[in-house]
């Protein structure tokens, strides 16, 4: 059967219907506040295109998570301001949660996560946020907006406890907004912090939302981001962390942001799409 490119995984309609799907993919092609390499608005489409070329059997979990139903929704088109975009994302994610489905956001730049955080804060009495990222993103405001991509974790900590993993770039002005007990720098993880995954788990609540900026990965495997930083995590480290978090917590939603596609290198697009599928496989294998 020939796969289609207009929904995640190129699924046949019987597995892509919103009414019967357990999982909802929400593309948010927004790139209004990025400050260096533009192109994150093309990230969702690139992930969807790459996903149509995946094998849908997951070896590690011996499962086919697509059979639970993965519906791809129309993209969020609001782009008049980061505040308006966040409000529209919040509304759309609230609907997904109210319908009892597992939300997966495809960015777009990292500011798209703010609306999702707010929706989860309304839906859950308590939850925590696990950030995988090269940047701490903890400015109170940036370039005149509290919803800038550089402020996403400042908005997150207003709503829930956070853990920040893979960080290797911060501004001095962010230091007062960072909690050392919840901050896991990339260089520490690469050296001798053997139990760091359990340390991350220890600062999270039962319900966990995972926000993944793809620049958490080392640019040797993920060069297609707006601000690539050296000395990042590798794919297996991230998968092993997600597996541990899934064993000890309830993963309630995820987002994958900051893919800036490069037409001459499709491997990062495929990495992003495969990452989503493996996280879903881990989540539903539990």
C-alpha atoms as a PDB file:
ATOM      1  CA  UNK A   1       0.000   0.000   0.000  1.00  0.00           C
ATOM      2  CA  UNK A   2       1.287   3.462  -0.862  1.00  0.00           C
ATOM      3  CA  UNK A   3       1.704   5.727   2.144  1.00  0.00           C
ATOM      4  CA  UNK A   4       0.305   9.247   2.188  1.00  0.00           C
ATOM      5  CA  UNK A   5       2.340  12.274   3.287  1.00  0.00           C
ATOM      6  CA  UNK A   6      -0.447  14.426   4.699  1.00  0.00           C
ATOM      7  CA  UNK A   7      -0.627  12.732   8.084  1.00  0.00           C
ATOM      8  CA  UNK A   8       1.892  11.434  10.566  1.00  0.00           C
ATOM      9  CA  UNK A   9       3.191   8.008   9.587  1.00  0.00           C
ATOM     10  CA  UNK A  10       1.438   8.126   6.218  1.00  0.00           C
ATOM     11  CA  UNK A  11      -1.383   6.185   7.874  1.00  0.00           C
ATOM     12  CA  UNK A  12      -4.430   4.831   6.148  1.00  0.00           C
ATOM     13  CA  UNK A  13      -7.673   6.631   7.139  1.00  0.00           C
ATOM     14  CA  UNK A  14      -8.792   3.874   9.520  1.00  0.00           C
ATOM     15  CA  UNK A  15      -5.804   4.667  11.769  1.00  0.00           C
ATOM     16  CA  UNK A  16      -5.825   8.443  11.275  1.00  0.00           C
ATOM     17  CA  UNK A  17      -9.417   9.348  12.254  1.00  0.00           C
ATOM     18  CA  UNK A  18      -9.581  11.795  15.126  1.00  0.00           C
ATOM     19  CA  UNK A  19     -12.764  10.300  16.537  1.00  0.00           C
ATOM     20  CA  UNK A  20     -11.162   6.901  17.186  1.00  0.00           C
ATOM     21  CA  UNK A  21      -7.482   7.848  17.655  1.00  0.00           C
ATOM     22  CA  UNK A  22      -5.746   7.797  21.040  1.00  0.00           C
ATOM     23  CA  UNK A  23      -3.061  10.230  19.844  1.00  0.00           C
ATOM     24  CA  UNK A  24      -3.437  13.658  18.242  1.00  0.00           C
ATOM     25  CA  UNK A  25      -0.647  15.378  16.299  1.00  0.00           C
ATOM     26  CA  UNK A  26      -0.949  19.186  16.258  1.00  0.00           C
ATOM     27  CA  UNK A  27       1.403  20.998  13.841  1.00  0.00           C
ATOM     28  CA  UNK A  28       2.289  24.562  14.859  1.00  0.00           C
ATOM     29  CA  UNK A  29       4.379  26.062  12.017  1.00  0.00           C
ATOM     30  CA  UNK A  30       5.287  29.275  13.848  1.00  0.00           C
ATOM     31  CA  UNK A  31       8.662  31.010  13.541  1.00  0.00           C
ATOM     32  CA  UNK A  32       7.892  34.557  14.609  1.00  0.00           C
ATOM     33  CA  UNK A  33      10.517  35.129  17.333  1.00  0.00           C
ATOM     34  CA  UNK A  34      13.567  33.082  16.341  1.00  0.00           C
ATOM     35  CA  UNK A  35      16.730  35.145  16.226  1.00  0.00           C
ATOM     36  CA  UNK A  36      19.275  33.364  14.030  1.00  0.00           C
ATOM     37  CA  UNK A  37      18.535  30.610  11.502  1.00  0.00           C
ATOM     38  CA  UNK A  38      14.961  30.881  10.267  1.00  0.00           C
ATOM     39  CA  UNK A  39      12.947  27.938   8.995  1.00  0.00           C
ATOM     40  CA  UNK A  40      11.272  26.344  12.027  1.00  0.00           C
ATOM     41  CA  UNK A  41       7.919  27.112  10.436  1.00  0.00           C
ATOM     42  CA  UNK A  42       8.783  24.399   7.880  1.00  0.00           C
ATOM     43  CA  UNK A  43       9.582  21.889  10.623  1.00  0.00           C
ATOM     44  CA  UNK A  44       6.139  20.297  11.040  1.00  0.00           C
ATOM     45  CA  UNK A  45       5.752  19.591   7.325  1.00  0.00           C
ATOM     46  CA  UNK A  46       9.260  18.100   7.166  1.00  0.00           C
ATOM     47  CA  UNK A  47       8.534  15.819  10.134  1.00  0.00           C
ATOM     48  CA  UNK A  48       5.285  14.649   8.578  1.00  0.00           C
ATOM     49  CA  UNK A  49       6.971  13.993   5.231  1.00  0.00           C
ATOM     50  CA  UNK A  50       9.792  12.010   6.866  1.00  0.00           C
ATOM     51  CA  UNK A  51       7.362  10.046   9.038  1.00  0.00           C
ATOM     52  CA  UNK A  52       5.701   8.575   5.963  1.00  0.00           C
ATOM     53  CA  UNK A  53       8.960   6.712   5.319  1.00  0.00           C
ATOM     54  CA  UNK A  54       9.251   5.014   8.721  1.00  0.00           C
ATOM     55  CA  UNK A  55       8.633   1.369   9.384  1.00  0.00           C
ATOM     56  CA  UNK A  56       5.686   1.301  11.764  1.00  0.00           C
ATOM     57  CA  UNK A  57       6.875  -1.736  13.705  1.00  0.00           C
ATOM     58  CA  UNK A  58       9.019  -0.703  16.690  1.00  0.00           C
ATOM     59  CA  UNK A  59      11.733  -3.262  17.404  1.00  0.00           C
ATOM     60  CA  UNK A  60      12.515  -2.276  21.002  1.00  0.00           C
ATOM     61  CA  UNK A  61       8.936  -2.536  22.246  1.00  0.00           C
ATOM     62  CA  UNK A  62       7.847  -5.225  19.767  1.00  0.00           C
ATOM     63  CA  UNK A  63       4.777  -3.107  19.055  1.00  0.00           C
ATOM     64  CA  UNK A  64       2.889  -1.133  16.408  1.00  0.00           C
ATOM     65  CA  UNK A  65       1.665   1.920  18.264  1.00  0.00           C
ATOM     66  CA  UNK A  66      -0.030   3.350  15.161  1.00  0.00           C
ATOM     67  CA  UNK A  67      -2.815   0.793  15.639  1.00  0.00           C
ATOM     68  CA  UNK A  68      -4.008   2.869  18.606  1.00  0.00           C
ATOM     69  CA  UNK A  69      -4.781   5.620  16.096  1.00  0.00           C
ATOM     70  CA  UNK A  70      -2.688   8.705  15.372  1.00  0.00           C
ATOM     71  CA  UNK A  71      -4.699  11.617  13.989  1.00  0.00           C
ATOM     72  CA  UNK A  72      -2.970  14.606  12.407  1.00  0.00           C
ATOM     73  CA  UNK A  73      -4.941  17.804  12.939  1.00  0.00           C
ATOM     74  CA  UNK A  74      -5.022  20.935  10.770  1.00  0.00           C
ATOM     75  CA  UNK A  75      -2.094  23.190  11.702  1.00  0.00           C
ATOM     76  CA  UNK A  76      -2.340  26.223  13.947  1.00  0.00           C
ATOM     77  CA  UNK A  77      -2.205  29.155  11.522  1.00  0.00           C
ATOM     78  CA  UNK A  78      -2.288  32.062  14.012  1.00  0.00           C
ATOM     79  CA  UNK A  79       0.911  34.098  13.565  1.00  0.00           C
ATOM     80  CA  UNK A  80      -0.017  37.725  14.253  1.00  0.00           C
ATOM     81  CA  UNK A  81       1.957  37.725  17.524  1.00  0.00           C
ATOM     82  CA  UNK A  82       3.534  35.186  19.882  1.00  0.00           C
ATOM     83  CA  UNK A  83       0.829  35.974  22.441  1.00  0.00           C
ATOM     84  CA  UNK A  84      -1.984  35.309  19.965  1.00  0.00           C
ATOM     85  CA  UNK A  85      -0.287  32.128  18.770  1.00  0.00           C
ATOM     86  CA  UNK A  86       0.078  30.893  22.376  1.00  0.00           C
ATOM     87  CA  UNK A  87      -3.603  31.560  23.025  1.00  0.00           C
ATOM     88  CA  UNK A  88      -4.641  29.595  19.934  1.00  0.00           C
ATOM     89  CA  UNK A  89      -2.356  26.675  20.838  1.00  0.00           C
ATOM     90  CA  UNK A  90      -3.833  26.690  24.342  1.00  0.00           C
ATOM     91  CA  UNK A  91      -7.342  26.491  22.904  1.00  0.00           C
ATOM     92  CA  UNK A  92      -6.475  23.679  20.498  1.00  0.00           C
ATOM     93  CA  UNK A  93      -4.624  21.615  23.126  1.00  0.00           C
ATOM     94  CA  UNK A  94      -7.463  22.060  25.611  1.00  0.00           C
ATOM     95  CA  UNK A  95      -9.783  20.495  23.047  1.00  0.00           C
ATOM     96  CA  UNK A  96      -7.432  17.542  22.538  1.00  0.00           C
ATOM     97  CA  UNK A  97      -7.203  16.953  26.293  1.00  0.00           C
ATOM     98  CA  UNK A  98     -10.939  17.323  26.775  1.00  0.00           C
ATOM     99  CA  UNK A  99     -11.445  14.675  24.086  1.00  0.00           C
ATOM    100  CA  UNK A 100      -9.222  12.285  26.036  1.00  0.00           C
ATOM    101  CA  UNK A 101      -6.379  12.108  23.540  1.00  0.00           C
ATOM    102  CA  UNK A 102      -2.598  12.273  23.967  1.00  0.00           C
ATOM    103  CA  UNK A 103      -1.275  15.538  22.460  1.00  0.00           C
ATOM    104  CA  UNK A 104       1.899  15.716  20.356  1.00  0.00           C
ATOM    105  CA  UNK A 105       2.852  19.214  19.181  1.00  0.00           C
ATOM    106  CA  UNK A 106       5.130  19.702  16.189  1.00  0.00           C
ATOM    107  CA  UNK A 107       6.967  23.036  16.188  1.00  0.00           C
ATOM    108  CA  UNK A 108       7.773  25.556  15.013  1.00  0.00           C
ATOM    109  CA  UNK A 109      10.024  27.420  17.372  1.00  0.00           C
ATOM    110  CA  UNK A 110       9.951  26.769  21.104  1.00  0.00           C
ATOM    111  CA  UNK A 111       7.436  29.500  21.909  1.00  0.00           C
ATOM    112  CA  UNK A 112       4.714  27.148  20.623  1.00  0.00           C
ATOM    113  CA  UNK A 113       5.040  25.195  23.880  1.00  0.00           C
ATOM    114  CA  UNK A 114       3.730  28.036  26.056  1.00  0.00           C
ATOM    115  CA  UNK A 115       0.123  27.549  25.028  1.00  0.00           C
ATOM    116  CA  UNK A 116       0.409  23.806  25.634  1.00  0.00           C
ATOM    117  CA  UNK A 117       1.782  24.379  29.147  1.00  0.00           C
ATOM    118  CA  UNK A 118      -1.194  26.593  29.926  1.00  0.00           C
ATOM    119  CA  UNK A 119      -3.664  24.026  28.624  1.00  0.00           C
ATOM    120  CA  UNK A 120      -2.111  21.310  30.752  1.00  0.00           C
ATOM    121  CA  UNK A 121      -2.184  23.563  33.816  1.00  0.00           C
ATOM    122  CA  UNK A 122      -5.943  23.924  33.329  1.00  0.00           C
ATOM    123  CA  UNK A 123      -6.486  20.205  32.766  1.00  0.00           C
ATOM    124  CA  UNK A 124      -4.316  18.670  35.503  1.00  0.00           C
ATOM    125  CA  UNK A 125      -4.361  19.428  39.216  1.00  0.00           C
ATOM    126  CA  UNK A 126      -0.616  18.801  39.240  1.00  0.00           C
ATOM    127  CA  UNK A 127       1.980  18.095  36.602  1.00  0.00           C
ATOM    128  CA  UNK A 128       5.639  18.814  35.938  1.00  0.00           C
ATOM    129  CA  UNK A 129       7.568  19.792  32.827  1.00  0.00           C
ATOM    130  CA  UNK A 130      10.700  18.044  31.580  1.00  0.00           C
ATOM    131  CA  UNK A 131      12.677  20.241  29.187  1.00  0.00           C
ATOM    132  CA  UNK A 132      15.320  18.689  26.927  1.00  0.00           C
ATOM    133  CA  UNK A 133      17.188  21.595  25.387  1.00  0.00           C
ATOM    134  CA  UNK A 134      20.554  23.205  24.737  1.00  0.00           C
ATOM    135  CA  UNK A 135      19.277  26.547  26.051  1.00  0.00           C
ATOM    136  CA  UNK A 136      17.786  27.412  29.416  1.00  0.00           C
ATOM    137  CA  UNK A 137      15.226  29.791  27.808  1.00  0.00           C
ATOM    138  CA  UNK A 138      14.498  31.464  31.151  1.00  0.00           C
ATOM    139  CA  UNK A 139      14.391  35.181  30.363  1.00  0.00           C
ATOM    140  CA  UNK A 140      11.330  36.947  31.748  1.00  0.00           C
ATOM    141  CA  UNK A 141      10.911  38.853  28.485  1.00  0.00           C
ATOM    142  CA  UNK A 142      12.882  39.093  25.265  1.00  0.00           C
ATOM    143  CA  UNK A 143      12.526  41.527  22.393  1.00  0.00           C
ATOM    144  CA  UNK A 144       9.459  42.981  24.076  1.00  0.00           C
ATOM    145  CA  UNK A 145       7.488  39.762  24.534  1.00  0.00           C
ATOM    146  CA  UNK A 146       7.028  37.370  27.475  1.00  0.00           C
ATOM    147  CA  UNK A 147       6.061  34.704  24.920  1.00  0.00           C
ATOM    148  CA  UNK A 148       9.336  34.807  23.000  1.00  0.00           C
ATOM    149  CA  UNK A 149      11.116  31.501  22.452  1.00  0.00           C
ATOM    150  CA  UNK A 150      13.794  32.690  24.895  1.00  0.00           C
ATOM    151  CA  UNK A 151      11.150  32.925  27.650  1.00  0.00           C
ATOM    152  CA  UNK A 152       9.448  29.562  27.325  1.00  0.00           C
ATOM    153  CA  UNK A 153      10.775  28.093  30.577  1.00  0.00           C
ATOM    154  CA  UNK A 154      10.115  31.283  32.507  1.00  0.00           C
ATOM    155  CA  UNK A 155       6.472  30.790  31.531  1.00  0.00           C
ATOM    156  CA  UNK A 156       6.710  27.064  32.348  1.00  0.00           C
ATOM    157  CA  UNK A 157       7.910  27.588  35.911  1.00  0.00           C
ATOM    158  CA  UNK A 158       4.938  29.880  36.575  1.00  0.00           C
ATOM    159  CA  UNK A 159       2.702  26.845  36.060  1.00  0.00           C
ATOM    160  CA  UNK A 160       4.566  23.723  37.192  1.00  0.00           C
ATOM    161  CA  UNK A 161       7.829  22.342  38.597  1.00  0.00           C
ATOM    162  CA  UNK A 162      10.409  21.945  35.849  1.00  0.00           C
ATOM    163  CA  UNK A 163      13.550  19.921  35.173  1.00  0.00           C
ATOM    164  CA  UNK A 164      15.987  21.260  32.566  1.00  0.00           C
ATOM    165  CA  UNK A 165      18.225  18.676  30.894  1.00  0.00           C
ATOM    166  CA  UNK A 166      21.053  19.054  28.389  1.00  0.00           C
ATOM    167  CA  UNK A 167      21.535  22.773  28.998  1.00  0.00           C
ATOM    168  CA  UNK A 168      24.771  24.221  27.685  1.00  0.00           C
ATOM    169  CA  UNK A 169      23.893  27.829  26.866  1.00  0.00           C
ATOM    170  CA  UNK A 170      22.423  30.529  29.132  1.00  0.00           C
ATOM    171  CA  UNK A 171      22.524  34.297  29.466  1.00  0.00           C
ATOM    172  CA  UNK A 172      23.818  35.767  32.722  1.00  0.00           C
ATOM    173  CA  UNK A 173      20.467  37.482  33.253  1.00  0.00           C
ATOM    174  CA  UNK A 174      18.754  34.078  33.396  1.00  0.00           C
ATOM    175  CA  UNK A 175      20.702  32.842  36.417  1.00  0.00           C
ATOM    176  CA  UNK A 176      18.223  34.130  39.051  1.00  0.00           C
ATOM    177  CA  UNK A 177      15.469  32.198  37.266  1.00  0.00           C
ATOM    178  CA  UNK A 178      17.299  28.854  37.343  1.00  0.00           C
ATOM    179  CA  UNK A 179      17.086  26.294  40.149  1.00  0.00           C
ATOM    180  CA  UNK A 180      20.406  24.396  40.445  1.00  0.00           C
ATOM    181  CA  UNK A 181      18.575  21.390  41.888  1.00  0.00           C
ATOM    182  CA  UNK A 182      16.531  21.127  38.696  1.00  0.00           C
ATOM    183  CA  UNK A 183      19.259  22.014  36.212  1.00  0.00           C
ATOM    184  CA  UNK A 184      21.243  19.274  34.470  1.00  0.00           C
ATOM    185  CA  UNK A 185      24.014  20.770  32.356  1.00  0.00           C
ATOM    186  CA  UNK A 186      25.164  18.786  29.349  1.00  0.00           C
ATOM    187  CA  UNK A 187      28.827  18.763  30.381  1.00  0.00           C
ATOM    188  CA  UNK A 188      27.932  17.212  33.751  1.00  0.00           C
ATOM    189  CA  UNK A 189      25.949  14.450  32.081  1.00  0.00           C
ATOM    190  CA  UNK A 190      28.813  13.688  29.693  1.00  0.00           C
ATOM    191  CA  UNK A 191      31.373  13.364  32.488  1.00  0.00           C
ATOM    192  CA  UNK A 192      30.731  11.349  35.642  1.00  0.00           C
ATOM    193  CA  UNK A 193      27.150  11.932  36.752  1.00  0.00           C
ATOM    194  CA  UNK A 194      26.173   8.288  36.413  1.00  0.00           C
ATOM    195  CA  UNK A 195      22.784   8.450  38.132  1.00  0.00           C
ATOM    196  CA  UNK A 196      21.614  11.620  36.450  1.00  0.00           C
ATOM    197  CA  UNK A 197      18.508  10.088  34.897  1.00  0.00           C
ATOM    198  CA  UNK A 198      17.265   9.048  38.338  1.00  0.00           C
ATOM    199  CA  UNK A 199      18.113  12.518  39.630  1.00  0.00           C
ATOM    200  CA  UNK A 200      15.943  14.018  36.896  1.00  0.00           C
ATOM    201  CA  UNK A 201      13.109  11.680  37.815  1.00  0.00           C
ATOM    202  CA  UNK A 202      13.396  12.614  41.498  1.00  0.00           C
ATOM    203  CA  UNK A 203      12.419  16.254  40.872  1.00  0.00           C
ATOM    204  CA  UNK A 204       9.383  15.443  38.723  1.00  0.00           C
ATOM    205  CA  UNK A 205       5.791  14.859  39.817  1.00  0.00           C
ATOM    206  CA  UNK A 206       3.670  11.888  38.764  1.00  0.00           C
ATOM    207  CA  UNK A 207       2.363  13.559  35.590  1.00  0.00           C
ATOM    208  CA  UNK A 208       5.086  14.748  33.214  1.00  0.00           C
ATOM    209  CA  UNK A 209       4.882  16.836  30.043  1.00  0.00           C
ATOM    210  CA  UNK A 210       8.036  16.549  27.911  1.00  0.00           C
ATOM    211  CA  UNK A 211       9.166  19.460  25.750  1.00  0.00           C
ATOM    212  CA  UNK A 212      12.041  18.608  23.407  1.00  0.00           C
ATOM    213  CA  UNK A 213      13.966  21.298  21.604  1.00  0.00           C
ATOM    214  CA  UNK A 214      15.895  19.328  18.994  1.00  0.00           C
ATOM    215  CA  UNK A 215      19.029  21.348  19.693  1.00  0.00           C
ATOM    216  CA  UNK A 216      19.380  19.221  22.840  1.00  0.00           C
ATOM    217  CA  UNK A 217      21.050  16.753  20.475  1.00  0.00           C
ATOM    218  CA  UNK A 218      24.639  17.179  19.429  1.00  0.00           C
ATOM    219  CA  UNK A 219      24.798  18.971  16.065  1.00  0.00           C
ATOM    220  CA  UNK A 220      26.751  16.015  14.664  1.00  0.00           C
ATOM    221  CA  UNK A 221      23.394  14.185  14.519  1.00  0.00           C
ATOM    222  CA  UNK A 222      21.020  17.184  14.558  1.00  0.00           C
ATOM    223  CA  UNK A 223      22.485  20.107  12.606  1.00  0.00           C
ATOM    224  CA  UNK A 224      19.074  21.338  11.408  1.00  0.00           C
ATOM    225  CA  UNK A 225      18.151  23.669  14.251  1.00  0.00           C
ATOM    226  CA  UNK A 226      17.935  27.422  14.625  1.00  0.00           C
ATOM    227  CA  UNK A 227      20.805  27.662  17.123  1.00  0.00           C
ATOM    228  CA  UNK A 228      22.965  24.509  17.104  1.00  0.00           C
ATOM    229  CA  UNK A 229      25.202  24.139  20.158  1.00  0.00           C
ATOM    230  CA  UNK A 230      28.167  21.743  20.402  1.00  0.00           C
ATOM    231  CA  UNK A 231      28.511  19.018  23.036  1.00  0.00           C
ATOM    232  CA  UNK A 232      24.907  17.865  23.051  1.00  0.00           C
ATOM    233  CA  UNK A 233      23.220  14.614  23.967  1.00  0.00           C
ATOM    234  CA  UNK A 234      23.022  11.596  21.708  1.00  0.00           C
ATOM    235  CA  UNK A 235      19.879   9.830  20.574  1.00  0.00           C
ATOM    236  CA  UNK A 236      20.298   6.806  22.843  1.00  0.00           C
ATOM    237  CA  UNK A 237      20.709   9.002  25.932  1.00  0.00           C
ATOM    238  CA  UNK A 238      17.419  10.732  25.210  1.00  0.00           C
ATOM    239  CA  UNK A 239      15.552   7.489  24.504  1.00  0.00           C
ATOM    240  CA  UNK A 240      16.903   5.907  27.692  1.00  0.00           C
ATOM    241  CA  UNK A 241      15.821   8.939  29.708  1.00  0.00           C
ATOM    242  CA  UNK A 242      12.321   8.828  28.233  1.00  0.00           C
ATOM    243  CA  UNK A 243      12.130   5.114  28.988  1.00  0.00           C
ATOM    244  CA  UNK A 244      13.045   5.710  32.635  1.00  0.00           C
ATOM    245  CA  UNK A 245      10.607   8.601  32.972  1.00  0.00           C
ATOM    246  CA  UNK A 246       7.858   6.426  31.493  1.00  0.00           C
ATOM    247  CA  UNK A 247       8.609   3.658  33.992  1.00  0.00           C
ATOM    248  CA  UNK A 248       8.443   6.019  36.979  1.00  0.00           C
ATOM    249  CA  UNK A 249       5.913   8.650  35.851  1.00  0.00           C
ATOM    250  CA  UNK A 250       2.877   9.216  33.631  1.00  0.00           C
ATOM    251  CA  UNK A 251       3.865  11.021  30.433  1.00  0.00           C
ATOM    252  CA  UNK A 252       0.849  13.177  29.553  1.00  0.00           C
ATOM    253  CA  UNK A 253       2.014  14.992  26.419  1.00  0.00           C
ATOM    254  CA  UNK A 254       5.031  15.955  24.355  1.00  0.00           C
ATOM    255  CA  UNK A 255       6.239  18.533  21.904  1.00  0.00           C
ATOM    256  CA  UNK A 256       9.114  18.451  19.427  1.00  0.00           C
ATOM    257  CA  UNK A 257      10.300  21.899  18.360  1.00  0.00           C
ATOM    258  CA  UNK A 258      12.984  23.869  16.508  1.00  0.00           C
ATOM    259  CA  UNK A 259      13.567  21.678  13.470  1.00  0.00           C
ATOM    260  CA  UNK A 260      14.863  23.898  10.651  1.00  0.00           C
ATOM    261  CA  UNK A 261      14.817  21.583   7.646  1.00  0.00           C
ATOM    262  CA  UNK A 262      17.714  21.446   5.213  1.00  0.00           C
ATOM    263  CA  UNK A 263      16.662  20.246   1.760  1.00  0.00           C
ATOM    264  CA  UNK A 264      20.043  18.607   1.197  1.00  0.00           C
ATOM    265  CA  UNK A 265      20.057  16.645   4.475  1.00  0.00           C
ATOM    266  CA  UNK A 266      16.897  14.750   5.382  1.00  0.00           C
ATOM    267  CA  UNK A 267      18.428  12.716   8.217  1.00  0.00           C
ATOM    268  CA  UNK A 268      17.510  15.259  10.938  1.00  0.00           C
ATOM    269  CA  UNK A 269      13.904  15.300   9.712  1.00  0.00           C
ATOM    270  CA  UNK A 270      13.784  11.537   9.999  1.00  0.00           C
ATOM    271  CA  UNK A 271      15.404  11.638  13.444  1.00  0.00           C
ATOM    272  CA  UNK A 272      12.640  13.951  14.662  1.00  0.00           C
ATOM    273  CA  UNK A 273       9.852  11.792  13.230  1.00  0.00           C
ATOM    274  CA  UNK A 274      11.411   8.574  14.559  1.00  0.00           C
ATOM    275  CA  UNK A 275      11.908  10.153  17.988  1.00  0.00           C
ATOM    276  CA  UNK A 276       8.194  10.896  18.216  1.00  0.00           C
ATOM    277  CA  UNK A 277       7.262   7.361  17.169  1.00  0.00           C
ATOM    278  CA  UNK A 278       9.653   5.759  19.644  1.00  0.00           C
ATOM    279  CA  UNK A 279       8.380   7.932  22.485  1.00  0.00           C
ATOM    280  CA  UNK A 280       4.808   6.947  21.623  1.00  0.00           C
ATOM    281  CA  UNK A 281       5.860   3.291  21.428  1.00  0.00           C
ATOM    282  CA  UNK A 282       7.450   3.549  24.880  1.00  0.00           C
ATOM    283  CA  UNK A 283       4.448   5.402  26.320  1.00  0.00           C
ATOM    284  CA  UNK A 284       1.862   2.895  25.108  1.00  0.00           C
ATOM    285  CA  UNK A 285       3.980  -0.204  25.674  1.00  0.00           C
ATOM    286  CA  UNK A 286       3.746   0.552  29.402  1.00  0.00           C
END
